[in-house]
Amino acid sequence: MYAIIKCGGKQYKVSEGDIIDIDYTGKAAKESLEITDVIAVNNGELKTGAAVSSAKVEAVVVLDGTGVNRDKKVVIYKKRRRKDSKLKRGFRKSFTKIRITKIAA
């Protein structure tokens, strides 16, 4: 059984026991999380649309996004030619690591 969920503007294909990285939610470790934005559920038969309007996915936070739980650095570099003008900045996005515990269709 698997489900396709939407979380933070991105879509993930998950099944029970999977561990995924989602955008930072502000939840602490070992807190539960309920995702109600389910796009599709497959339990031998694919269900989409109104058939999954009552479906939900339950998860528990494994690692929160504070401190060292951040993605690799993204470097932003802007240069304007012939003007001796340049700008270099870095950015590291925080994430939350969750474990899918239950898919209720």
Protein backbone atom coordinates (compact mmCIF):
# COMPACT_ATOMS: atom_id res chain seq x y z
CA MET A 1 0.00 0.00 0.00
CA TYR A 2 1.30 3.43 -0.88
CA ALA A 3 0.02 6.99 -0.95
CA ILE A 4 0.99 10.17 -2.76
CA ILE A 5 0.95 13.13 -0.38
CA LYS A 6 1.46 16.84 -0.84
CA CYS A 7 3.51 18.58 1.83
CA GLY A 8 5.14 21.99 1.55
CA GLY A 9 4.36 22.36 -2.16
CA LYS A 10 6.06 19.07 -3.04
CA GLN A 11 4.63 15.61 -3.68
CA TYR A 12 6.00 12.42 -2.11
CA LYS A 13 5.21 8.75 -2.74
CA VAL A 14 5.19 7.08 0.69
CA SER A 15 4.35 3.75 2.28
CA GLU A 16 4.28 2.69 5.92
CA GLY A 17 7.71 2.72 7.54
CA ASP A 18 9.28 5.13 5.02
CA ILE A 19 11.50 7.95 6.28
CA ILE A 20 11.40 11.15 4.20
CA ASP A 21 12.71 14.71 4.45
CA ILE A 22 10.06 17.44 4.23
CA ASP A 23 10.23 21.21 4.63
CA TYR A 24 10.71 22.51 8.16
CA THR A 25 7.48 22.21 10.18
CA GLY A 26 8.53 23.51 13.60
CA LYS A 27 7.59 20.26 15.34
CA ALA A 28 9.94 18.74 17.91
CA ALA A 29 11.33 15.21 17.72
CA LYS A 30 8.90 12.37 18.56
CA GLU A 31 5.82 14.57 17.94
CA SER A 32 3.08 13.19 15.74
CA LEU A 33 2.11 14.79 12.45
CA GLU A 34 -1.07 14.26 10.43
CA ILE A 35 -1.07 14.95 6.69
CA THR A 36 -4.55 15.31 5.22
CA ASP A 37 -3.53 16.53 1.76
CA VAL A 38 -3.53 13.09 0.09
CA ILE A 39 -3.58 13.00 -3.71
CA ALA A 40 -3.81 9.25 -4.34
CA VAL A 41 -3.94 5.96 -2.44
CA ASN A 42 -3.14 2.52 -3.87
CA ASN A 43 -4.29 -0.53 -1.94
CA GLY A 44 -4.48 -2.98 -4.82
CA GLU A 45 -6.62 -0.41 -6.63
CA LEU A 46 -5.65 3.21 -7.34
CA LYS A 47 -8.02 5.79 -5.85
CA THR A 48 -7.83 9.51 -6.63
CA GLY A 49 -10.01 12.61 -6.41
CA ALA A 50 -13.13 12.46 -4.24
CA ALA A 51 -12.39 8.86 -3.25
CA VAL A 52 -9.41 9.98 -1.14
CA SER A 53 -10.91 13.14 0.34
CA SER A 54 -11.18 11.45 3.75
CA ALA A 55 -7.77 9.75 3.56
CA LYS A 56 -4.96 10.81 5.87
CA VAL A 57 -1.37 9.86 6.56
CA GLU A 58 0.02 9.78 10.08
CA ALA A 59 3.72 10.28 10.76
CA VAL A 60 6.10 10.89 13.63
CA VAL A 61 9.00 13.35 13.59
CA VAL A 62 12.39 11.62 13.72
CA LEU A 63 14.62 14.73 13.51
CA ASP A 64 13.52 18.34 13.72
CA GLY A 65 15.08 21.02 11.53
CA THR A 66 17.05 22.87 14.16
CA GLY A 67 20.81 22.97 14.37
CA VAL A 68 22.64 20.51 12.18
CA ASN A 69 19.63 19.11 10.30
CA ARG A 70 19.96 21.25 7.22
CA ASP A 71 20.52 20.60 3.52
CA LYS A 72 23.73 21.23 1.63
CA LYS A 73 24.65 24.84 1.06
CA VAL A 74 23.22 26.52 -2.02
CA VAL A 75 25.53 29.25 -3.32
CA ILE A 76 23.95 32.33 -4.89
CA TYR A 77 26.42 34.27 -7.04
CA LYS A 78 25.48 37.40 -8.99
CA LYS A 79 27.98 39.19 -11.22
CA ARG A 80 27.51 42.23 -13.39
CA ARG A 81 29.95 42.30 -16.25
CA ARG A 82 32.52 45.09 -16.55
CA LYS A 83 31.33 46.86 -13.40
CA ASP A 84 33.46 45.16 -10.75
CA SER A 85 30.21 44.34 -9.02
CA LYS A 86 29.54 40.90 -7.61
CA LEU A 87 27.58 39.33 -4.79
CA LYS A 88 28.05 35.90 -3.22
CA ARG A 89 25.72 34.50 -0.59
CA GLY A 90 25.03 31.06 0.82
CA PHE A 91 21.84 29.46 2.05
CA ARG A 92 21.13 26.22 3.92
CA LYS A 93 17.50 25.12 4.11
CA SER A 94 16.24 23.44 7.29
CA PHE A 95 14.23 20.24 6.98
CA THR A 96 12.23 17.85 9.13
CA LYS A 97 12.78 14.09 8.85
CA ILE A 98 9.58 12.07 9.40
CA ARG A 99 8.65 8.37 9.55
CA ILE A 100 5.30 7.31 8.07
CA THR A 101 3.42 5.25 10.65
CA LYS A 102 -0.06 4.76 9.18
CA ILE A 103 -1.96 5.32 5.93
CA ALA A 104 -5.72 5.50 6.50
CA ALA A 105 -7.72 5.38 3.27
